[in-house]
Amino acid sequence: MSKSGTILSRDYFERSTLTVARSLVGKYLVRENGTGTMAGKIVETEAYIGPHDLACHASRGRTQRTDVLFGPPGISYVYMIYGMYYCLNVVTEREHYPAAVLIRAIEVDGTLIDGPGRLCRTLAIDRTLNRIDMTIGRQLWFEDRGPRVPSRLVEAHPRIGVDYAGEWAHKPFRFRLQTRAKRSRR
């Protein structure tokens, strides 16, 4: 147990990628950088599921870059896009099956940090955090701080920025917490 919640275990990530992606909405991403700790409530994720998913980096085979995706669940996968933005993923499912969840947005003290690049900049996440075990509560981890987010408050949408993936681009593998405005209308 951390100061604020329960650190998510390897078993948590050793489940279906879609289950993990949806269930991470409402959990907390925590970053300890040596000078302090920052935590944000996860409000958006995206699932990338195996070699057949043309939007998943592993669809092009096992490479030095994607090798981490074939490892144990609960390990970080940090990579750079457009030569300037880092993205944070966590490996899911069983070892040797390449799948992961991208963390797209968090909310810190009521402020939305939207987009995986902004999220990584805000939390000082870069390639030095690639391949770390996110289940041990050092440097970068996930916490359950309760209460559980009702599934009716989590919307599924097509993923963003993967038009090259054909039909896989349209799969509803992006999960986002409904905005407060939408929730108050219900």
C-alpha atoms as a PDB file:
ATOM      1  CA  MET A   1       0.000   0.000   0.000  1.00  0.00           C
ATOM      2  CA  SER A   2       1.297   3.439  -0.864  1.00  0.00           C
ATOM      3  CA  LYS A   3       0.422   6.582   1.067  1.00  0.00           C
ATOM      4  CA  SER A   4      -2.714   7.103  -0.999  1.00  0.00           C
ATOM      5  CA  GLY A   5      -3.839   3.806  -2.491  1.00  0.00           C
ATOM      6  CA  THR A   6      -3.080   0.244  -3.468  1.00  0.00           C
ATOM      7  CA  ILE A   7      -0.365  -0.241  -6.091  1.00  0.00           C
ATOM      8  CA  LEU A   8      -1.731  -2.272  -9.009  1.00  0.00           C
ATOM      9  CA  SER A   9      -0.113  -5.718  -9.168  1.00  0.00           C
ATOM     10  CA  ARG A  10       1.197  -7.725 -12.097  1.00  0.00           C
ATOM     11  CA  ASP A  11      -1.993  -9.834 -11.962  1.00  0.00           C
ATOM     12  CA  TYR A  12      -4.002  -6.686 -12.691  1.00  0.00           C
ATOM     13  CA  PHE A  13      -2.174  -6.249 -16.018  1.00  0.00           C
ATOM     14  CA  GLU A  14      -2.182  -9.963 -16.889  1.00  0.00           C
ATOM     15  CA  ARG A  15      -5.739  -9.707 -18.234  1.00  0.00           C
ATOM     16  CA  SER A  16      -7.369  -8.822 -21.535  1.00  0.00           C
ATOM     17  CA  THR A  17      -5.955  -5.538 -22.845  1.00  0.00           C
ATOM     18  CA  LEU A  18      -9.461  -4.131 -23.388  1.00  0.00           C
ATOM     19  CA  THR A  19     -10.366  -4.983 -19.779  1.00  0.00           C
ATOM     20  CA  VAL A  20      -7.218  -3.319 -18.463  1.00  0.00           C
ATOM     21  CA  ALA A  21      -7.654  -0.235 -20.691  1.00  0.00           C
ATOM     22  CA  ARG A  22     -11.227   0.313 -19.543  1.00  0.00           C
ATOM     23  CA  SER A  23     -10.479  -0.421 -15.879  1.00  0.00           C
ATOM     24  CA  LEU A  24      -7.490   1.967 -15.730  1.00  0.00           C
ATOM     25  CA  VAL A  25      -9.895   4.880 -16.248  1.00  0.00           C
ATOM     26  CA  GLY A  26     -10.341   6.277 -12.741  1.00  0.00           C
ATOM     27  CA  LYS A  27      -7.101   4.787 -11.396  1.00  0.00           C
ATOM     28  CA  TYR A  28      -4.092   6.993 -10.650  1.00  0.00           C
ATOM     29  CA  LEU A  29      -0.763   7.294 -12.425  1.00  0.00           C
ATOM     30  CA  VAL A  30       1.936   8.212  -9.899  1.00  0.00           C
ATOM     31  CA  ARG A  31       5.389   9.623 -10.707  1.00  0.00           C
ATOM     32  CA  GLU A  32       8.184   9.915  -8.136  1.00  0.00           C
ATOM     33  CA  ASN A  33      11.090  11.862  -9.631  1.00  0.00           C
ATOM     34  CA  GLY A  34      13.455  12.192  -6.675  1.00  0.00           C
ATOM     35  CA  THR A  35      12.251  15.677  -5.736  1.00  0.00           C
ATOM     36  CA  GLY A  36       8.603  14.851  -5.167  1.00  0.00           C
ATOM     37  CA  THR A  37       5.592  12.820  -6.153  1.00  0.00           C
ATOM     38  CA  MET A  38       2.837  13.784  -8.597  1.00  0.00           C
ATOM     39  CA  ALA A  39      -0.330  11.787  -9.173  1.00  0.00           C
ATOM     40  CA  GLY A  40      -3.043  12.130 -11.781  1.00  0.00           C
ATOM     41  CA  LYS A  41      -6.390  10.440 -12.202  1.00  0.00           C
ATOM     42  CA  ILE A  42      -6.440   8.576 -15.516  1.00  0.00           C
ATOM     43  CA  VAL A  43      -9.267   9.841 -17.731  1.00  0.00           C
ATOM     44  CA  GLU A  44      -8.328   8.360 -21.124  1.00  0.00           C
ATOM     45  CA  THR A  45      -6.557   5.225 -22.386  1.00  0.00           C
ATOM     46  CA  GLU A  46      -6.117   3.301 -25.647  1.00  0.00           C
ATOM     47  CA  ALA A  47      -5.677  -0.451 -26.146  1.00  0.00           C
ATOM     48  CA  TYR A  48      -3.232  -2.047 -28.605  1.00  0.00           C
ATOM     49  CA  ILE A  49      -3.759  -5.773 -28.920  1.00  0.00           C
ATOM     50  CA  GLY A  50      -1.230  -8.124 -30.434  1.00  0.00           C
ATOM     51  CA  PRO A  51       0.423  -8.745 -33.786  1.00  0.00           C
ATOM     52  CA  HIS A  52      -2.857  -8.795 -35.750  1.00  0.00           C
ATOM     53  CA  ASP A  53      -3.791  -5.248 -34.580  1.00  0.00           C
ATOM     54  CA  LEU A  54      -2.317  -3.109 -37.369  1.00  0.00           C
ATOM     55  CA  ALA A  55      -2.168  -0.072 -35.052  1.00  0.00           C
ATOM     56  CA  CYS A  56       0.014  -1.976 -32.556  1.00  0.00           C
ATOM     57  CA  HIS A  57       3.769  -1.502 -32.989  1.00  0.00           C
ATOM     58  CA  ALA A  58       4.204  -5.280 -32.731  1.00  0.00           C
ATOM     59  CA  SER A  59       2.197  -5.813 -35.930  1.00  0.00           C
ATOM     60  CA  ARG A  60       5.449  -5.185 -37.798  1.00  0.00           C
ATOM     61  CA  GLY A  61       7.206  -7.935 -35.830  1.00  0.00           C
ATOM     62  CA  ARG A  62       9.532  -8.156 -32.892  1.00  0.00           C
ATOM     63  CA  THR A  63      12.234  -5.494 -33.068  1.00  0.00           C
ATOM     64  CA  GLN A  64      14.610  -3.878 -30.599  1.00  0.00           C
ATOM     65  CA  ARG A  65      11.981  -1.164 -30.037  1.00  0.00           C
ATOM     66  CA  THR A  66       9.007  -3.527 -29.597  1.00  0.00           C
ATOM     67  CA  ASP A  67      10.771  -6.284 -27.656  1.00  0.00           C
ATOM     68  CA  VAL A  68       9.405  -4.862 -24.386  1.00  0.00           C
ATOM     69  CA  LEU A  69       5.840  -5.582 -25.598  1.00  0.00           C
ATOM     70  CA  PHE A  70       6.625  -9.311 -25.573  1.00  0.00           C
ATOM     71  CA  GLY A  71       7.712  -9.200 -21.933  1.00  0.00           C
ATOM     72  CA  PRO A  72       5.833  -9.563 -18.679  1.00  0.00           C
ATOM     73  CA  PRO A  73       2.715  -7.509 -17.937  1.00  0.00           C
ATOM     74  CA  GLY A  74       3.067  -4.386 -15.805  1.00  0.00           C
ATOM     75  CA  ILE A  75       6.243  -3.193 -17.537  1.00  0.00           C
ATOM     76  CA  SER A  76       6.467   0.293 -19.067  1.00  0.00           C
ATOM     77  CA  TYR A  77       6.839   0.872 -22.798  1.00  0.00           C
ATOM     78  CA  VAL A  78       7.975   4.451 -23.482  1.00  0.00           C
ATOM     79  CA  TYR A  79       8.680   5.577 -27.024  1.00  0.00           C
ATOM     80  CA  MET A  80       8.984   8.802 -28.976  1.00  0.00           C
ATOM     81  CA  ILE A  81       6.647   9.967 -31.749  1.00  0.00           C
ATOM     82  CA  TYR A  82       7.252  12.702 -34.326  1.00  0.00           C
ATOM     83  CA  GLY A  83      10.799  12.947 -32.981  1.00  0.00           C
ATOM     84  CA  MET A  84       9.624  15.114 -30.087  1.00  0.00           C
ATOM     85  CA  TYR A  85       6.905  13.568 -27.874  1.00  0.00           C
ATOM     86  CA  TYR A  86       7.142  10.612 -25.524  1.00  0.00           C
ATOM     87  CA  CYS A  87       4.241   8.230 -24.984  1.00  0.00           C
ATOM     88  CA  LEU A  88       3.707   5.974 -21.956  1.00  0.00           C
ATOM     89  CA  ASN A  89       2.214   2.499 -22.279  1.00  0.00           C
ATOM     90  CA  VAL A  90       1.950  -0.414 -19.877  1.00  0.00           C
ATOM     91  CA  VAL A  91       2.374  -3.990 -21.159  1.00  0.00           C
ATOM     92  CA  THR A  92      -0.652  -6.250 -20.696  1.00  0.00           C
ATOM     93  CA  GLU A  93      -1.797  -9.853 -21.096  1.00  0.00           C
ATOM     94  CA  ARG A  94       0.579 -12.823 -20.991  1.00  0.00           C
ATOM     95  CA  GLU A  95       4.308 -12.816 -21.639  1.00  0.00           C
ATOM     96  CA  HIS A  96       5.258 -13.361 -25.319  1.00  0.00           C
ATOM     97  CA  TYR A  97       1.936 -11.854 -26.510  1.00  0.00           C
ATOM     98  CA  PRO A  98       2.552  -8.209 -27.495  1.00  0.00           C
ATOM     99  CA  ALA A  99      -0.146  -5.926 -26.116  1.00  0.00           C
ATOM    100  CA  ALA A 100      -0.235  -2.661 -24.181  1.00  0.00           C
ATOM    101  CA  VAL A 101      -2.358   0.243 -23.000  1.00  0.00           C
ATOM    102  CA  LEU A 102      -1.417   3.824 -23.900  1.00  0.00           C
ATOM    103  CA  ILE A 103      -2.144   6.403 -21.198  1.00  0.00           C
ATOM    104  CA  ARG A 104      -3.649   9.366 -23.104  1.00  0.00           C
ATOM    105  CA  ALA A 105      -4.890  11.797 -20.435  1.00  0.00           C
ATOM    106  CA  ILE A 106      -4.905  12.425 -16.698  1.00  0.00           C
ATOM    107  CA  GLU A 107      -6.430  14.971 -14.369  1.00  0.00           C
ATOM    108  CA  VAL A 108      -4.187  16.554 -11.719  1.00  0.00           C
ATOM    109  CA  ASP A 109      -5.847  18.704  -9.057  1.00  0.00           C
ATOM    110  CA  GLY A 110      -8.781  19.444 -11.378  1.00  0.00           C
ATOM    111  CA  THR A 111      -6.556  20.305 -14.366  1.00  0.00           C
ATOM    112  CA  LEU A 112      -6.862  18.131 -17.471  1.00  0.00           C
ATOM    113  CA  ILE A 113      -3.565  17.065 -19.016  1.00  0.00           C
ATOM    114  CA  ASP A 114      -4.828  15.864 -22.367  1.00  0.00           C
ATOM    115  CA  GLY A 115      -2.633  14.006 -24.833  1.00  0.00           C
ATOM    116  CA  PRO A 116       0.107  11.451 -24.257  1.00  0.00           C
ATOM    117  CA  GLY A 117       2.897  13.917 -25.119  1.00  0.00           C
ATOM    118  CA  ARG A 118       1.676  16.561 -22.653  1.00  0.00           C
ATOM    119  CA  LEU A 119       1.192  13.888 -20.008  1.00  0.00           C
ATOM    120  CA  CYS A 120       4.797  12.700 -20.404  1.00  0.00           C
ATOM    121  CA  ARG A 121       6.171  16.252 -20.368  1.00  0.00           C
ATOM    122  CA  THR A 122       4.196  17.113 -17.227  1.00  0.00           C
ATOM    123  CA  LEU A 123       5.352  13.980 -15.385  1.00  0.00           C
ATOM    124  CA  ALA A 124       8.922  14.071 -16.783  1.00  0.00           C
ATOM    125  CA  ILE A 125       8.542  10.683 -18.467  1.00  0.00           C
ATOM    126  CA  ASP A 126      11.110   9.815 -21.118  1.00  0.00           C
ATOM    127  CA  ARG A 127      12.994   6.769 -22.478  1.00  0.00           C
ATOM    128  CA  THR A 128      14.917   6.398 -19.210  1.00  0.00           C
ATOM    129  CA  LEU A 129      11.637   4.998 -17.831  1.00  0.00           C
ATOM    130  CA  ASN A 130      11.252   2.411 -20.626  1.00  0.00           C
ATOM    131  CA  ARG A 131      11.123  -1.186 -19.327  1.00  0.00           C
ATOM    132  CA  ILE A 132      10.616  -0.373 -15.662  1.00  0.00           C
ATOM    133  CA  ASP A 133       8.428  -2.577 -13.495  1.00  0.00           C
ATOM    134  CA  MET A 134       5.367  -0.453 -12.748  1.00  0.00           C
ATOM    135  CA  THR A 135       4.094  -2.939 -10.141  1.00  0.00           C
ATOM    136  CA  ILE A 136       6.701  -2.235  -7.434  1.00  0.00           C
ATOM    137  CA  GLY A 137       5.965   1.415  -6.597  1.00  0.00           C
ATOM    138  CA  ARG A 138       9.238   3.047  -7.635  1.00  0.00           C
ATOM    139  CA  GLN A 139       9.573   5.991 -10.048  1.00  0.00           C
ATOM    140  CA  LEU A 140       6.324   5.283 -11.916  1.00  0.00           C
ATOM    141  CA  TRP A 141       3.300   3.179 -10.976  1.00  0.00           C
ATOM    142  CA  PHE A 142      -0.489   2.901 -10.909  1.00  0.00           C
ATOM    143  CA  GLU A 143      -2.714   3.088  -7.826  1.00  0.00           C
ATOM    144  CA  ASP A 144      -6.281   2.195  -7.036  1.00  0.00           C
ATOM    145  CA  ARG A 145      -7.538   4.944  -4.759  1.00  0.00           C
ATOM    146  CA  GLY A 146     -11.200   3.874  -4.977  1.00  0.00           C
ATOM    147  CA  PRO A 147     -14.074   4.237  -5.563  1.00  0.00           C
ATOM    148  CA  ARG A 148     -14.565   2.286  -8.798  1.00  0.00           C
ATOM    149  CA  VAL A 149     -15.756   4.279 -11.833  1.00  0.00           C
ATOM    150  CA  PRO A 150     -19.133   2.903 -13.028  1.00  0.00           C
ATOM    151  CA  SER A 151     -18.825   1.450 -16.539  1.00  0.00           C
ATOM    152  CA  ARG A 152     -21.675   3.705 -17.746  1.00  0.00           C
ATOM    153  CA  LEU A 153     -19.352   6.701 -17.185  1.00  0.00           C
ATOM    154  CA  VAL A 154     -16.627   5.314 -19.460  1.00  0.00           C
ATOM    155  CA  GLU A 155     -17.176   5.902 -23.180  1.00  0.00           C
ATOM    156  CA  ALA A 156     -15.553   3.836 -25.944  1.00  0.00           C
ATOM    157  CA  HIS A 157     -14.316   5.592 -29.102  1.00  0.00           C
ATOM    158  CA  PRO A 158     -12.072   4.858 -32.096  1.00  0.00           C
ATOM    159  CA  ARG A 159      -8.367   5.375 -31.464  1.00  0.00           C
ATOM    160  CA  ILE A 160      -6.630   8.596 -32.509  1.00  0.00           C
ATOM    161  CA  GLY A 161      -3.810   9.020 -35.045  1.00  0.00           C
ATOM    162  CA  VAL A 162      -3.786   5.478 -36.436  1.00  0.00           C
ATOM    163  CA  ASP A 163      -5.479   5.978 -39.813  1.00  0.00           C
ATOM    164  CA  TYR A 164      -2.757   3.833 -41.432  1.00  0.00           C
ATOM    165  CA  ALA A 165      -4.198   0.781 -39.600  1.00  0.00           C
ATOM    166  CA  GLY A 166      -7.222   0.408 -41.904  1.00  0.00           C
ATOM    167  CA  GLU A 167     -10.208  -1.197 -40.183  1.00  0.00           C
ATOM    168  CA  TRP A 168      -8.213  -1.349 -36.914  1.00  0.00           C
ATOM    169  CA  ALA A 169      -8.289   2.458 -36.740  1.00  0.00           C
ATOM    170  CA  HIS A 170     -12.061   2.351 -36.291  1.00  0.00           C
ATOM    171  CA  LYS A 171     -12.165  -0.165 -33.445  1.00  0.00           C
ATOM    172  CA  PRO A 172     -13.598   1.351 -30.232  1.00  0.00           C
ATOM    173  CA  PHE A 173     -10.395   0.742 -28.274  1.00  0.00           C
ATOM    174  CA  ARG A 174     -10.092   4.248 -26.740  1.00  0.00           C
ATOM    175  CA  PHE A 175     -11.746   4.692 -23.355  1.00  0.00           C
ATOM    176  CA  ARG A 176     -12.537   8.089 -21.866  1.00  0.00           C
ATOM    177  CA  LEU A 177     -14.240   9.197 -18.682  1.00  0.00           C
ATOM    178  CA  GLN A 178     -17.314  11.253 -19.514  1.00  0.00           C
ATOM    179  CA  THR A 179     -16.873  14.959 -18.905  1.00  0.00           C
ATOM    180  CA  ARG A 180     -18.518  16.499 -15.868  1.00  0.00           C
ATOM    181  CA  ALA A 181     -20.949  18.380 -18.120  1.00  0.00           C
ATOM    182  CA  LYS A 182     -22.149  15.145 -19.716  1.00  0.00           C
ATOM    183  CA  ARG A 183     -22.398  13.391 -16.334  1.00  0.00           C
ATOM    184  CA  SER A 184     -24.485  16.179 -14.818  1.00  0.00           C
ATOM    185  CA  ARG A 185     -27.065  15.911 -17.627  1.00  0.00           C
ATOM    186  CA  ARG A 186     -27.851  12.293 -16.750  1.00  0.00           C
END
